[in-house]
Amino acid sequence: MAEIHASGSLLVGEGVFMKGFMRVPGVASIDGKLEGELSADSVFIQQNGSMDGQTTANHVRVAGTLTDTTVANRTLLVESTGLVAGAITYQEMEIKKGGSLQGGIYKVGREAPPMPVRAPEPPRAAAPEPVVLPEAVAEVAPAEQAVSPMPVRAPEPPRAAAPEPVVLPEAVAEVAPAEQAVSPMPLPVAAAAPATELPAASTVVPSSSIPLATNNKPKN
């Protein structure tokens, strides 16, 4: 790999943040943080550095973090502290013990699938205002217009058999004697009016009209 301080090189120091599109004819050394698109002859991501975006170079060496899309037209070297994630295209690759690759890996000459672009979320529509119905429409149908369910006729219970006549024993069927019979209530009798005594009438018969008894016998 060419010297970092050679002419046409880029050095992003520790603690520096850069974002945008960068084209470097020589070596790009990243010890800070870089976002965007980087094109160079050689890219070196140092242990404290990170690059997020599209990186294209002939030689790529990663000791820090390289994410998104990486195209190493010739060599890709991942150090023991390095992490490469995303869509990775390489010609020759070397991974040291402890290094990590995550994502899709493709050889040069095979077209890597485009990275999925997350569609922006549509703006949330405001909640619709409640619609107030007019009173005529909001009236509830009267009860007589409501559809009543069909009545279900319950099955008739089985009819019980007629009970057999009960024959009472003779002792129970005897009629009570006459003296024990209940006599009817006596009717009240109206009291008789007291008899009225009439005064004795004294009748005087004239003596001339009373025949006298005689002892005259007829003579023979």
Protein backbone atom coordinates (compact mmCIF):
# COMPACT_ATOMS: atom_id res chain seq x y z
CA MET A 1 0.00 0.00 0.00
CA ALA A 2 1.31 3.48 -0.86
CA GLU A 3 2.55 5.90 1.76
CA ILE A 4 -0.16 7.74 3.66
CA HIS A 5 1.60 11.09 3.48
CA ALA A 6 2.29 10.87 -0.25
CA SER A 7 0.90 13.42 -2.65
CA GLY A 8 -2.82 12.98 -3.46
CA SER A 9 -3.62 11.23 -0.17
CA LEU A 10 -6.34 11.93 2.40
CA LEU A 11 -5.97 11.65 6.17
CA VAL A 12 -9.02 11.90 8.48
CA GLY A 13 -7.59 12.19 11.97
CA GLU A 14 -9.04 10.81 15.18
CA GLY A 15 -12.02 12.84 16.38
CA VAL A 16 -12.72 14.28 12.91
CA PHE A 17 -16.10 13.76 11.25
CA MET A 18 -16.56 14.18 7.51
CA LYS A 19 -19.58 13.62 5.31
CA GLY A 20 -19.91 13.83 1.55
CA PHE A 21 -18.43 12.58 -1.72
CA MET A 22 -14.65 12.17 -1.81
CA ARG A 23 -12.37 11.05 -4.69
CA VAL A 24 -8.78 10.41 -3.69
CA PRO A 25 -6.13 9.46 -6.31
CA GLY A 26 -3.78 8.04 -3.68
CA VAL A 27 -4.35 6.65 -0.18
CA ALA A 28 -7.32 7.52 2.08
CA SER A 29 -6.54 6.86 5.75
CA ILE A 30 -9.53 7.07 8.09
CA ASP A 31 -8.88 7.37 11.83
CA GLY A 32 -12.00 9.45 12.48
CA LYS A 33 -15.52 9.06 11.15
CA LEU A 34 -16.54 9.32 7.53
CA GLU A 35 -20.00 9.07 5.92
CA GLY A 36 -20.91 9.23 2.25
CA GLU A 37 -19.07 7.98 -0.83
CA LEU A 38 -15.33 7.38 -1.02
CA SER A 39 -13.31 6.42 -4.11
CA ALA A 40 -9.53 5.93 -3.86
CA ASP A 41 -6.61 3.79 -4.99
CA SER A 42 -6.16 2.45 -1.46
CA VAL A 43 -8.36 2.77 1.64
CA PHE A 44 -7.12 2.10 5.14
CA ILE A 45 -9.65 2.13 7.99
CA GLN A 46 -7.59 2.37 11.15
CA GLN A 47 -8.61 0.80 14.49
CA ASN A 48 -10.45 3.90 15.74
CA GLY A 49 -11.86 4.80 12.35
CA SER A 50 -15.19 4.04 10.69
CA MET A 51 -16.63 4.47 7.25
CA ASP A 52 -20.37 4.21 6.47
CA GLY A 53 -21.38 4.44 2.83
CA GLN A 54 -20.06 3.28 -0.54
CA THR A 55 -16.34 2.56 -0.64
CA THR A 56 -14.52 1.70 -3.88
CA ALA A 57 -10.79 1.05 -4.10
CA ASN A 58 -8.18 -1.29 -5.56
CA HIS A 59 -6.87 -2.19 -2.13
CA VAL A 60 -8.93 -2.09 1.08
CA ARG A 61 -7.47 -2.69 4.56
CA VAL A 62 -9.81 -2.63 7.54
CA ALA A 63 -8.74 -2.50 11.19
CA GLY A 64 -11.80 -0.52 12.29
CA THR A 65 -15.38 -0.59 10.97
CA LEU A 66 -16.46 -0.50 7.33
CA THR A 67 -20.21 -0.73 6.59
CA ASP A 68 -22.70 -0.48 3.73
CA THR A 69 -21.17 -1.22 0.27
CA THR A 70 -17.53 -2.17 -0.23
CA VAL A 71 -15.85 -2.89 -3.57
CA ALA A 72 -12.23 -4.11 -3.44
CA ASN A 73 -11.19 -4.50 -7.07
CA ARG A 74 -7.95 -6.36 -6.12
CA THR A 75 -7.38 -7.13 -2.44
CA LEU A 76 -9.39 -6.99 0.79
CA LEU A 77 -7.58 -7.42 4.09
CA VAL A 78 -9.49 -7.63 7.35
CA GLU A 79 -7.31 -7.20 10.46
CA SER A 80 -8.02 -8.97 13.76
CA THR A 81 -9.89 -5.90 15.05
CA GLY A 82 -11.67 -5.21 11.77
CA LEU A 83 -15.37 -5.51 10.89
CA VAL A 84 -16.78 -5.35 7.36
CA ALA A 85 -20.56 -5.48 6.99
CA GLY A 86 -22.96 -5.06 4.09
CA ALA A 87 -22.50 -5.91 0.40
CA ILE A 88 -18.84 -6.90 -0.13
CA THR A 89 -17.22 -7.44 -3.53
CA TYR A 90 -13.58 -8.54 -3.75
CA GLN A 91 -10.96 -10.14 -6.01
CA GLU A 92 -8.71 -11.55 -3.29
CA MET A 93 -9.53 -11.59 0.40
CA GLU A 94 -7.63 -12.25 3.61
CA ILE A 95 -9.16 -12.33 7.06
CA LYS A 96 -6.95 -12.45 10.12
CA LYS A 97 -7.99 -14.27 13.28
CA GLY A 98 -10.58 -12.16 15.07
CA GLY A 99 -11.70 -10.32 11.96
CA SER A 100 -15.37 -10.37 10.98
CA LEU A 101 -17.42 -10.28 7.78
CA GLN A 102 -21.19 -9.75 7.84
CA GLY A 103 -23.51 -9.55 4.87
CA GLY A 104 -23.32 -10.63 1.25
CA ILE A 105 -19.94 -11.54 -0.25
CA TYR A 106 -19.38 -11.54 -4.03
CA LYS A 107 -16.39 -12.02 -6.35
CA VAL A 108 -15.39 -9.30 -8.75
CA GLY A 109 -17.20 -9.77 -12.06
CA ARG A 110 -20.44 -10.75 -10.43
CA GLU A 111 -22.89 -7.98 -10.01
CA ALA A 112 -23.75 -7.44 -6.40
CA PRO A 113 -27.43 -6.92 -5.70
CA PRO A 114 -28.34 -3.37 -4.84
CA MET A 115 -28.69 -2.58 -1.19
CA PRO A 116 -32.31 -2.36 -0.14
CA VAL A 117 -33.45 1.19 0.16
CA ARG A 118 -35.85 1.80 2.95
CA ALA A 119 -38.82 3.69 1.70
CA PRO A 120 -39.69 6.76 3.72
CA GLU A 121 -42.68 6.37 5.95
CA PRO A 122 -45.77 8.07 4.57
CA PRO A 123 -47.03 10.96 6.64
CA ARG A 124 -49.64 9.94 9.08
CA ALA A 125 -53.06 11.21 8.22
CA ALA A 126 -54.79 13.26 10.84
CA ALA A 127 -57.58 11.56 12.68
CA PRO A 128 -60.93 12.33 11.01
CA GLU A 129 -63.29 14.56 12.88
CA PRO A 130 -66.36 12.85 14.29
CA VAL A 131 -69.42 13.14 12.07
CA VAL A 132 -72.54 14.35 13.83
CA LEU A 133 -75.63 12.82 12.27
CA PRO A 134 -78.84 14.86 12.10
CA GLU A 135 -81.51 13.95 14.59
CA ALA A 136 -83.82 12.52 11.92
CA VAL A 137 -81.14 10.09 10.81
CA ALA A 138 -79.92 9.32 14.31
CA GLU A 139 -83.35 8.31 15.56
CA VAL A 140 -83.60 4.75 16.67
CA ALA A 141 -86.33 2.70 15.06
CA PRO A 142 -89.32 2.09 17.40
CA ALA A 143 -89.57 -1.20 19.15
CA GLU A 144 -92.49 -2.40 17.05
CA GLN A 145 -90.38 -2.07 13.91
CA ALA A 146 -87.56 -4.10 15.30
CA VAL A 147 -87.35 -7.56 13.91
CA SER A 148 -88.14 -9.94 16.70
CA PRO A 149 -86.72 -13.41 16.58
CA MET A 150 -89.03 -16.25 15.68
CA PRO A 151 -90.48 -17.83 18.81
CA VAL A 152 -89.32 -21.32 19.45
CA ARG A 153 -92.11 -23.64 20.49
CA ALA A 154 -91.13 -25.80 23.37
CA PRO A 155 -91.98 -29.50 22.99
CA GLU A 156 -95.09 -30.59 24.85
CA PRO A 157 -94.37 -32.67 27.91
CA PRO A 158 -95.73 -36.25 27.83
CA ARG A 159 -99.20 -36.55 29.25
CA ALA A 160 -99.43 -38.42 32.51
CA ALA A 161 -101.72 -41.47 32.64
CA ALA A 162 -105.08 -41.02 34.41
CA PRO A 163 -104.84 -42.17 38.04
CA GLU A 164 -106.72 -45.36 38.90
CA PRO A 165 -109.84 -44.94 41.13
CA VAL A 166 -109.15 -45.48 44.79
CA VAL A 167 -111.50 -47.95 46.53
CA LEU A 168 -112.00 -46.98 50.13
CA PRO A 169 -112.39 -49.77 52.70
CA GLU A 170 -115.82 -50.42 54.22
CA ALA A 171 -114.90 -49.06 57.59
CA VAL A 172 -114.13 -45.72 55.97
CA ALA A 173 -117.22 -45.74 53.76
CA GLU A 174 -119.80 -46.20 56.66
CA VAL A 175 -122.30 -43.43 57.12
CA ALA A 176 -122.33 -41.75 60.47
CA PRO A 177 -125.37 -42.79 62.70
CA ALA A 178 -128.45 -40.65 62.94
CA GLU A 179 -127.59 -39.28 66.33
CA GLN A 180 -124.31 -38.11 65.00
CA ALA A 181 -125.88 -36.52 61.99
CA VAL A 182 -125.88 -32.83 62.02
CA SER A 183 -129.42 -31.54 62.65
CA PRO A 184 -130.56 -28.49 60.83
CA MET A 185 -130.65 -25.19 62.63
CA PRO A 186 -134.14 -24.66 64.36
CA LEU A 187 -136.22 -21.98 62.79
CA PRO A 188 -137.56 -19.30 65.16
CA VAL A 189 -141.31 -19.64 65.95
CA ALA A 190 -143.39 -16.55 66.31
CA ALA A 191 -144.95 -16.21 69.79
CA ALA A 192 -148.76 -16.67 69.88
CA ALA A 193 -150.84 -13.68 70.78
CA PRO A 194 -152.41 -13.96 74.32
CA ALA A 195 -156.07 -15.04 74.38
CA THR A 196 -158.61 -12.32 75.21
CA GLU A 197 -161.16 -13.35 77.88
CA LEU A 198 -164.69 -12.24 77.10
CA PRO A 199 -167.04 -11.33 80.00
CA ALA A 200 -169.71 -13.93 80.68
CA ALA A 201 -173.05 -12.82 79.35
CA SER A 202 -175.88 -13.19 81.78
CA THR A 203 -178.97 -14.35 79.93
CA VAL A 204 -182.31 -14.06 81.73
CA VAL A 205 -184.86 -16.39 80.38
CA PRO A 206 -188.52 -15.53 81.20
CA SER A 207 -190.21 -18.10 83.27
CA SER A 208 -193.25 -18.26 81.05
CA SER A 209 -191.23 -19.65 78.25
CA ILE A 210 -189.67 -22.46 80.24
CA PRO A 211 -191.88 -25.58 80.38
CA LEU A 212 -192.46 -26.98 83.74
CA ALA A 213 -192.19 -30.61 84.47
CA THR A 214 -195.38 -32.19 85.65
CA ASN A 215 -196.11 -35.58 86.96
CA ASN A 216 -199.42 -35.96 85.20
CA LYS A 217 -199.75 -39.25 83.58
CA PRO A 218 -202.44 -39.98 81.06
CA LYS A 219 -205.48 -41.56 82.41
CA ASN A 220 -206.63 -44.90 81.28
